[in-house]
Amino acid sequence: MENLIEQLGISKEEIIERIVNKALGMTAGCKQTGEESWEDVPLSEVIDNKLESAIGNLIEKTKPFIEKRVEEIMIQKMNEVFDKPFQPVDRWGEPRGEKTTIKDLIANEAIEYWNKDVDCNNKPCGAYASDKQTRAMFFAKKSIESFYKTEMESVVKKMAEDMKNKIPIAIGEEITKSVVKYLK
């Protein structure tokens, strides 16, 4: 049948378009001959606008659900990629070491980074350095020093303010005692 229709000079797409146009024309209350285009149907612009608005509303309403589903799928696929074992190779393509995963490689790199020996300036140091410490220890010390420095500054400022307020009172009391003693 398909060949017969094509022999008549009508393509499958044209038949589909005519059926859709006929259905739309019937929906709009217009009898068509089949030769009209959608633009020839009365109210076609109004229907187009309503369809466009309805589709836009539908997209806006479903957007959060679609985004959530896409995020779920992306997380699932990323986990699959990170957990999939592979064989590391050297620069010549020869297998090197045991099979591993991207997740394990990242974890091992992080462990190596934090366990690396550094000096007091966070620079890698040799085996015989006198101020050798792990990078984790370096950052822990820096964090503690920073915390105590700000805390100490705050406490010292408060003490200085208290002393500044109390000294004139104490001096005044001593002067009063001296004057009273002198007058007796």
Protein backbone atom coordinates (compact mmCIF):
# COMPACT_ATOMS: atom_id res chain seq x y z
CA MET A 1 0.00 0.00 0.00
CA GLU A 2 2.87 2.34 0.85
CA ASN A 3 4.30 1.98 -2.66
CA LEU A 4 0.87 2.65 -4.17
CA ILE A 5 0.53 5.90 -2.24
CA GLU A 6 4.01 6.98 -3.27
CA GLN A 7 3.19 6.09 -6.92
CA LEU A 8 0.30 8.55 -6.66
CA GLY A 9 2.81 11.24 -5.66
CA ILE A 10 1.77 11.48 -2.01
CA SER A 11 4.33 10.93 0.72
CA LYS A 12 3.67 9.39 4.10
CA GLU A 13 4.46 12.75 5.75
CA GLU A 14 1.87 14.53 3.58
CA ILE A 15 -0.81 12.03 4.60
CA ILE A 16 0.04 12.51 8.27
CA GLU A 17 -0.03 16.30 7.85
CA ARG A 18 -3.44 16.15 6.11
CA ILE A 19 -4.86 13.94 8.86
CA VAL A 20 -3.57 16.31 11.56
CA ASN A 21 -4.90 19.35 9.68
CA LYS A 22 -8.29 17.68 9.23
CA ALA A 23 -8.47 16.80 12.92
CA LEU A 24 -7.48 20.31 13.93
CA GLY A 25 -9.97 21.78 11.49
CA MET A 26 -12.75 19.61 12.93
CA THR A 27 -11.75 20.69 16.43
CA ALA A 28 -11.94 24.33 15.37
CA GLY A 29 -15.36 23.80 13.77
CA CYS A 30 -14.22 24.15 10.19
CA LYS A 31 -14.87 21.75 7.31
CA GLN A 32 -11.79 21.35 5.18
CA THR A 33 -11.18 19.94 1.76
CA GLY A 34 -7.79 18.68 2.80
CA GLU A 35 -5.92 21.21 0.71
CA GLU A 36 -5.91 23.99 3.32
CA SER A 37 -3.02 24.54 5.63
CA TRP A 38 -3.35 24.95 9.38
CA GLU A 39 -3.05 28.73 8.93
CA ASP A 40 -6.23 28.65 6.78
CA VAL A 41 -8.30 27.25 9.66
CA PRO A 42 -10.38 29.91 11.46
CA LEU A 43 -9.17 30.42 15.06
CA SER A 44 -5.82 28.77 14.23
CA GLU A 45 -3.91 31.67 15.81
CA VAL A 46 -6.03 31.49 18.97
CA ILE A 47 -5.56 27.73 19.18
CA ASP A 48 -1.82 28.08 18.54
CA ASN A 49 -1.55 30.63 21.35
CA LYS A 50 -3.54 28.43 23.74
CA LEU A 51 -1.45 25.38 22.85
CA GLU A 52 1.76 27.33 23.27
CA SER A 53 0.59 28.67 26.65
CA ALA A 54 -0.57 25.22 27.82
CA ILE A 55 2.73 23.63 26.78
CA GLY A 56 4.67 26.42 28.51
CA ASN A 57 2.65 25.91 31.71
CA LEU A 58 3.11 22.16 31.51
CA ILE A 59 6.87 22.59 31.12
CA GLU A 60 7.04 24.99 34.09
CA LYS A 61 5.00 22.62 36.28
CA THR A 62 7.01 19.55 35.35
CA LYS A 63 10.41 21.27 35.37
CA PRO A 64 11.18 20.54 39.08
CA PHE A 65 10.25 16.88 38.62
CA ILE A 66 12.31 16.59 35.46
CA GLU A 67 15.30 18.31 37.08
CA LYS A 68 15.03 16.02 40.11
CA ARG A 69 14.86 12.93 37.92
CA VAL A 70 17.79 14.09 35.78
CA GLU A 71 19.81 14.70 38.97
CA GLU A 72 18.94 11.21 40.27
CA ILE A 73 20.01 9.64 36.99
CA MET A 74 23.23 11.70 36.89
CA ILE A 75 24.11 10.67 40.46
CA GLN A 76 23.40 7.04 39.64
CA LYS A 77 25.55 7.17 36.49
CA MET A 78 28.37 9.02 38.29
CA ASN A 79 28.35 6.40 41.04
CA GLU A 80 28.51 3.66 38.42
CA VAL A 81 31.49 5.36 36.76
CA PHE A 82 33.28 5.97 40.07
CA ASP A 83 32.69 2.39 41.26
CA LYS A 84 33.50 0.60 37.98
CA PRO A 85 36.82 -1.26 38.19
CA PHE A 86 39.48 -0.61 35.55
CA GLN A 87 43.04 -1.69 34.92
CA PRO A 88 45.63 1.10 35.23
CA VAL A 89 48.23 1.12 32.46
CA ASP A 90 51.62 2.75 31.98
CA ARG A 91 52.43 5.16 29.15
CA TRP A 92 52.95 2.23 26.75
CA GLY A 93 49.54 0.76 27.52
CA GLU A 94 50.89 -2.12 29.58
CA PRO A 95 48.86 -3.15 32.64
CA ARG A 96 50.27 -1.70 35.86
CA GLY A 97 49.25 -2.85 39.33
CA GLU A 98 45.92 -4.22 40.46
CA LYS A 99 42.51 -3.24 39.13
CA THR A 100 41.07 -0.23 40.93
CA THR A 101 38.23 2.31 40.76
CA ILE A 102 38.21 6.08 40.33
CA LYS A 103 36.80 6.39 43.87
CA ASP A 104 39.77 4.43 45.28
CA LEU A 105 42.26 6.48 43.26
CA ILE A 106 40.81 9.73 44.62
CA ALA A 107 40.82 8.38 48.20
CA ASN A 108 44.44 7.24 47.88
CA GLU A 109 45.51 10.62 46.45
CA ALA A 110 43.81 12.42 49.35
CA ILE A 111 45.52 10.15 51.90
CA GLU A 112 48.90 10.71 50.24
CA TYR A 113 48.33 14.47 50.17
CA TRP A 114 47.52 14.71 53.90
CA ASN A 115 50.31 12.28 54.93
CA LYS A 116 53.02 14.06 52.88
CA ASP A 117 55.91 15.36 55.01
CA VAL A 118 56.20 19.16 54.87
CA ASP A 119 58.25 21.83 56.63
CA CYS A 120 56.98 24.78 58.67
CA ASN A 121 56.07 26.59 55.40
CA ASN A 122 54.01 23.69 54.02
CA LYS A 123 56.72 22.86 51.48
CA PRO A 124 57.64 19.21 50.83
CA CYS A 125 60.79 18.30 52.74
CA GLY A 126 63.37 15.54 52.68
CA ALA A 127 63.81 12.65 55.09
CA TYR A 128 66.41 14.53 57.18
CA ALA A 129 64.53 17.80 57.71
CA SER A 130 64.42 18.90 61.34
CA ASP A 131 60.98 20.54 61.23
CA LYS A 132 59.27 17.65 59.41
CA GLN A 133 55.53 17.10 59.99
CA THR A 134 52.59 15.76 57.98
CA ARG A 135 50.50 18.21 55.99
CA ALA A 136 47.49 17.29 58.17
CA MET A 137 49.47 18.21 61.30
CA PHE A 138 50.66 21.46 59.67
CA PHE A 139 47.09 22.57 58.93
CA ALA A 140 45.83 21.44 62.34
CA LYS A 141 48.54 23.55 64.05
CA LYS A 142 47.77 26.55 61.84
CA SER A 143 44.07 26.24 62.63
CA ILE A 144 44.71 26.02 66.38
CA GLU A 145 47.19 28.92 66.28
CA SER A 146 44.70 31.06 64.38
CA PHE A 147 41.90 30.23 66.80
CA TYR A 148 43.96 30.95 69.91
CA LYS A 149 45.45 34.09 68.43
CA THR A 150 42.01 35.60 67.84
CA GLU A 151 40.76 34.36 71.22
CA MET A 152 43.83 35.72 73.02
CA GLU A 153 43.55 39.07 71.27
CA SER A 154 39.95 39.30 72.39
CA VAL A 155 40.77 38.38 76.01
CA VAL A 156 43.77 40.77 76.18
CA LYS A 157 41.69 43.63 74.75
CA LYS A 158 38.97 43.00 77.34
CA MET A 159 41.55 42.89 80.17
CA ALA A 160 43.15 46.13 78.96
CA GLU A 161 39.74 47.81 78.81
CA ASP A 162 38.91 46.61 82.34
CA MET A 163 42.27 47.83 83.66
CA LYS A 164 41.83 51.17 81.90
CA ASN A 165 38.48 51.61 83.64
CA LYS A 166 39.67 50.39 87.06
CA ILE A 167 43.03 52.22 87.29
CA PRO A 168 41.59 55.75 87.66
CA ILE A 169 39.28 54.47 90.41
CA ALA A 170 42.18 52.74 92.23
CA ILE A 171 44.42 55.81 91.85
CA GLY A 172 41.63 58.03 93.11
CA GLU A 173 41.16 55.81 96.15
CA GLU A 174 44.91 55.84 96.93
CA ILE A 175 45.09 59.62 96.56
CA THR A 176 42.09 59.97 98.86
CA LYS A 177 43.70 57.70 101.47
CA SER A 178 46.99 59.64 101.26
CA VAL A 179 45.30 63.00 101.57
CA VAL A 180 43.17 61.82 104.49
CA LYS A 181 46.27 60.37 106.18
CA TYR A 182 48.18 63.59 105.63
CA LEU A 183 45.38 65.72 107.03
CA LYS A 184 45.18 63.72 110.28
